[in-house]
Amino acid sequence: MDINNKARVQWACRRGMRELDISIMPFFRFEYDSLNDTDKQVFVRLLESDDPDLFNWLMNHGEPADPELKRMVAMIQQRNQQRGPVAY
Protein backbone atom coordinates (compact mmCIF):
# COMPACT_ATOMS: atom_id res chain seq x y z
CA MET A 1 0.00 0.00 0.00
CA ASP A 2 1.29 3.44 -0.92
CA ILE A 3 2.01 5.41 2.29
CA ASN A 4 1.14 8.64 0.45
CA ASN A 5 -2.34 7.46 -0.51
CA LYS A 6 -3.98 8.67 2.70
CA ALA A 7 -7.48 7.68 1.64
CA ARG A 8 -6.37 4.08 1.19
CA VAL A 9 -4.45 4.05 4.48
CA GLN A 10 -7.46 5.54 6.25
CA TRP A 11 -9.69 2.85 4.74
CA ALA A 12 -7.28 0.18 6.04
CA CYS A 13 -7.54 1.73 9.52
CA ARG A 14 -11.27 0.95 9.66
CA ARG A 15 -11.36 -2.47 11.21
CA GLY A 16 -14.99 -3.11 12.10
CA MET A 17 -14.08 -3.83 15.71
CA ARG A 18 -14.91 -0.86 17.91
CA GLU A 19 -11.92 -1.36 20.22
CA LEU A 20 -9.53 -1.28 17.28
CA ASP A 21 -11.24 1.70 15.67
CA ILE A 22 -10.94 3.63 18.95
CA SER A 23 -7.18 2.98 19.03
CA ILE A 24 -6.20 3.16 15.38
CA MET A 25 -8.42 5.88 13.88
CA PRO A 26 -7.44 8.71 16.27
CA PHE A 27 -3.77 7.81 15.83
CA PHE A 28 -4.16 8.00 12.07
CA ARG A 29 -6.16 11.22 12.24
CA PHE A 30 -3.86 13.10 14.62
CA GLU A 31 -0.43 11.51 14.12
CA TYR A 32 -0.03 10.01 10.65
CA ASP A 33 1.03 13.21 8.91
CA SER A 34 3.77 13.81 11.48
CA LEU A 35 5.34 10.35 11.01
CA ASN A 36 8.42 9.99 8.87
CA ASP A 37 8.20 7.71 5.82
CA THR A 38 9.79 4.78 7.66
CA ASP A 39 7.23 4.97 10.46
CA LYS A 40 4.42 5.34 7.92
CA GLN A 41 5.61 2.12 6.27
CA VAL A 42 5.70 0.34 9.63
CA PHE A 43 2.20 1.63 10.45
CA VAL A 44 0.89 0.33 7.12
CA ARG A 45 2.59 -3.01 7.78
CA LEU A 46 0.89 -3.11 11.18
CA LEU A 47 -2.47 -2.56 9.47
CA GLU A 48 -1.83 -5.70 7.42
CA SER A 49 -2.00 -7.76 10.64
CA ASP A 50 -5.08 -9.76 11.53
CA ASP A 51 -7.65 -8.09 13.76
CA PRO A 52 -7.26 -10.57 16.65
CA ASP A 53 -3.50 -9.92 16.71
CA LEU A 54 -3.98 -6.14 16.57
CA PHE A 55 -6.55 -6.33 19.35
CA ASN A 56 -4.26 -8.38 21.58
CA TRP A 57 -1.26 -6.14 20.98
CA LEU A 58 -3.12 -2.86 21.49
CA MET A 59 -4.84 -4.17 24.63
CA ASN A 60 -1.53 -5.43 26.09
CA HIS A 61 -2.42 -9.12 25.78
CA GLY A 62 0.77 -9.90 23.92
CA GLU A 63 3.19 -8.19 21.58
CA PRO A 64 4.37 -8.58 18.01
CA ALA A 65 7.52 -10.61 17.44
CA ASP A 66 8.71 -7.98 14.94
CA PRO A 67 10.56 -5.22 16.87
CA GLU A 68 9.37 -2.50 14.44
CA LEU A 69 5.73 -3.50 14.89
CA LYS A 70 6.27 -3.67 18.65
CA ARG A 71 7.65 -0.12 18.58
CA MET A 72 4.68 1.09 16.51
CA VAL A 73 2.17 -0.50 18.90
CA ALA A 74 3.93 1.25 21.80
CA MET A 75 3.88 4.55 19.89
CA ILE A 76 0.15 4.24 19.19
CA GLN A 77 -0.57 3.47 22.83
CA GLN A 78 1.65 6.28 24.11
CA ARG A 79 0.36 8.98 21.78
CA ASN A 80 -3.27 7.98 22.31
CA GLN A 81 -2.74 8.11 26.07
CA GLN A 82 -1.06 11.53 25.86
CA ARG A 83 -3.86 12.92 23.71
CA GLY A 84 -6.64 11.43 25.82
CA PRO A 85 -10.01 10.17 24.61
CA VAL A 86 -11.33 11.60 21.37
CA ALA A 87 -14.32 10.89 19.21
CA TYR A 88 -13.26 9.14 16.06
C-alpha atoms as a PDB file:
ATOM      1  CA  MET A   1       0.000   0.000   0.000  1.00  0.00           C
ATOM      2  CA  ASP A   2       1.294   3.441  -0.915  1.00  0.00           C
ATOM      3  CA  ILE A   3       2.010   5.408   2.286  1.00  0.00           C
ATOM      4  CA  ASN A   4       1.138   8.642   0.446  1.00  0.00           C
ATOM      5  CA  ASN A   5      -2.342   7.464  -0.513  1.00  0.00           C
ATOM      6  CA  LYS A   6      -3.979   8.672   2.698  1.00  0.00           C
ATOM      7  CA  ALA A   7      -7.477   7.679   1.642  1.00  0.00           C
ATOM      8  CA  ARG A   8      -6.370   4.081   1.195  1.00  0.00           C
ATOM      9  CA  VAL A   9      -4.453   4.053   4.481  1.00  0.00           C
ATOM     10  CA  GLN A  10      -7.465   5.542   6.245  1.00  0.00           C
ATOM     11  CA  TRP A  11      -9.688   2.849   4.739  1.00  0.00           C
ATOM     12  CA  ALA A  12      -7.278   0.182   6.039  1.00  0.00           C
ATOM     13  CA  CYS A  13      -7.540   1.731   9.516  1.00  0.00           C
ATOM     14  CA  ARG A  14     -11.270   0.954   9.657  1.00  0.00           C
ATOM     15  CA  ARG A  15     -11.362  -2.470  11.214  1.00  0.00           C
ATOM     16  CA  GLY A  16     -14.994  -3.114  12.100  1.00  0.00           C
ATOM     17  CA  MET A  17     -14.079  -3.834  15.708  1.00  0.00           C
ATOM     18  CA  ARG A  18     -14.906  -0.860  17.909  1.00  0.00           C
ATOM     19  CA  GLU A  19     -11.922  -1.356  20.220  1.00  0.00           C
ATOM     20  CA  LEU A  20      -9.530  -1.279  17.278  1.00  0.00           C
ATOM     21  CA  ASP A  21     -11.237   1.699  15.667  1.00  0.00           C
ATOM     22  CA  ILE A  22     -10.943   3.629  18.947  1.00  0.00           C
ATOM     23  CA  SER A  23      -7.184   2.979  19.027  1.00  0.00           C
ATOM     24  CA  ILE A  24      -6.200   3.160  15.379  1.00  0.00           C
ATOM     25  CA  MET A  25      -8.421   5.877  13.881  1.00  0.00           C
ATOM     26  CA  PRO A  26      -7.436   8.712  16.267  1.00  0.00           C
ATOM     27  CA  PHE A  27      -3.768   7.809  15.835  1.00  0.00           C
ATOM     28  CA  PHE A  28      -4.161   8.003  12.072  1.00  0.00           C
ATOM     29  CA  ARG A  29      -6.160  11.225  12.240  1.00  0.00           C
ATOM     30  CA  PHE A  30      -3.864  13.102  14.616  1.00  0.00           C
ATOM     31  CA  GLU A  31      -0.430  11.510  14.122  1.00  0.00           C
ATOM     32  CA  TYR A  32      -0.027  10.008  10.654  1.00  0.00           C
ATOM     33  CA  ASP A  33       1.033  13.208   8.911  1.00  0.00           C
ATOM     34  CA  SER A  34       3.774  13.807  11.482  1.00  0.00           C
ATOM     35  CA  LEU A  35       5.336  10.354  11.010  1.00  0.00           C
ATOM     36  CA  ASN A  36       8.421   9.987   8.868  1.00  0.00           C
ATOM     37  CA  ASP A  37       8.197   7.715   5.824  1.00  0.00           C
ATOM     38  CA  THR A  38       9.792   4.779   7.656  1.00  0.00           C
ATOM     39  CA  ASP A  39       7.232   4.967  10.463  1.00  0.00           C
ATOM     40  CA  LYS A  40       4.417   5.339   7.921  1.00  0.00           C
ATOM     41  CA  GLN A  41       5.610   2.122   6.266  1.00  0.00           C
ATOM     42  CA  VAL A  42       5.702   0.342   9.630  1.00  0.00           C
ATOM     43  CA  PHE A  43       2.196   1.630  10.452  1.00  0.00           C
ATOM     44  CA  VAL A  44       0.887   0.331   7.117  1.00  0.00           C
ATOM     45  CA  ARG A  45       2.592  -3.013   7.782  1.00  0.00           C
ATOM     46  CA  LEU A  46       0.886  -3.110  11.180  1.00  0.00           C
ATOM     47  CA  LEU A  47      -2.467  -2.561   9.471  1.00  0.00           C
ATOM     48  CA  GLU A  48      -1.825  -5.701   7.424  1.00  0.00           C
ATOM     49  CA  SER A  49      -2.004  -7.760  10.636  1.00  0.00           C
ATOM     50  CA  ASP A  50      -5.081  -9.762  11.528  1.00  0.00           C
ATOM     51  CA  ASP A  51      -7.653  -8.089  13.760  1.00  0.00           C
ATOM     52  CA  PRO A  52      -7.258 -10.571  16.646  1.00  0.00           C
ATOM     53  CA  ASP A  53      -3.503  -9.916  16.711  1.00  0.00           C
ATOM     54  CA  LEU A  54      -3.980  -6.140  16.572  1.00  0.00           C
ATOM     55  CA  PHE A  55      -6.551  -6.325  19.354  1.00  0.00           C
ATOM     56  CA  ASN A  56      -4.259  -8.384  21.584  1.00  0.00           C
ATOM     57  CA  TRP A  57      -1.265  -6.137  20.977  1.00  0.00           C
ATOM     58  CA  LEU A  58      -3.118  -2.859  21.493  1.00  0.00           C
ATOM     59  CA  MET A  59      -4.844  -4.169  24.626  1.00  0.00           C
ATOM     60  CA  ASN A  60      -1.533  -5.431  26.093  1.00  0.00           C
ATOM     61  CA  HIS A  61      -2.423  -9.116  25.784  1.00  0.00           C
ATOM     62  CA  GLY A  62       0.771  -9.896  23.916  1.00  0.00           C
ATOM     63  CA  GLU A  63       3.186  -8.194  21.579  1.00  0.00           C
ATOM     64  CA  PRO A  64       4.369  -8.582  18.007  1.00  0.00           C
ATOM     65  CA  ALA A  65       7.521 -10.607  17.440  1.00  0.00           C
ATOM     66  CA  ASP A  66       8.710  -7.984  14.943  1.00  0.00           C
ATOM     67  CA  PRO A  67      10.556  -5.218  16.871  1.00  0.00           C
ATOM     68  CA  GLU A  68       9.366  -2.499  14.445  1.00  0.00           C
ATOM     69  CA  LEU A  69       5.731  -3.495  14.887  1.00  0.00           C
ATOM     70  CA  LYS A  70       6.266  -3.675  18.645  1.00  0.00           C
ATOM     71  CA  ARG A  71       7.651  -0.121  18.579  1.00  0.00           C
ATOM     72  CA  MET A  72       4.684   1.088  16.506  1.00  0.00           C
ATOM     73  CA  VAL A  73       2.174  -0.497  18.900  1.00  0.00           C
ATOM     74  CA  ALA A  74       3.927   1.249  21.801  1.00  0.00           C
ATOM     75  CA  MET A  75       3.881   4.546  19.885  1.00  0.00           C
ATOM     76  CA  ILE A  76       0.153   4.240  19.190  1.00  0.00           C
ATOM     77  CA  GLN A  77      -0.571   3.470  22.832  1.00  0.00           C
ATOM     78  CA  GLN A  78       1.648   6.280  24.112  1.00  0.00           C
ATOM     79  CA  ARG A  79       0.358   8.980  21.778  1.00  0.00           C
ATOM     80  CA  ASN A  80      -3.266   7.979  22.308  1.00  0.00           C
ATOM     81  CA  GLN A  81      -2.738   8.114  26.069  1.00  0.00           C
ATOM     82  CA  GLN A  82      -1.059  11.533  25.865  1.00  0.00           C
ATOM     83  CA  ARG A  83      -3.862  12.924  23.707  1.00  0.00           C
ATOM     84  CA  GLY A  84      -6.643  11.426  25.817  1.00  0.00           C
ATOM     85  CA  PRO A  85     -10.006  10.168  24.612  1.00  0.00           C
ATOM     86  CA  VAL A  86     -11.329  11.599  21.373  1.00  0.00           C
ATOM     87  CA  ALA A  87     -14.318  10.886  19.208  1.00  0.00           C
ATOM     88  CA  TYR A  88     -13.261   9.142  16.058  1.00  0.00           C
END
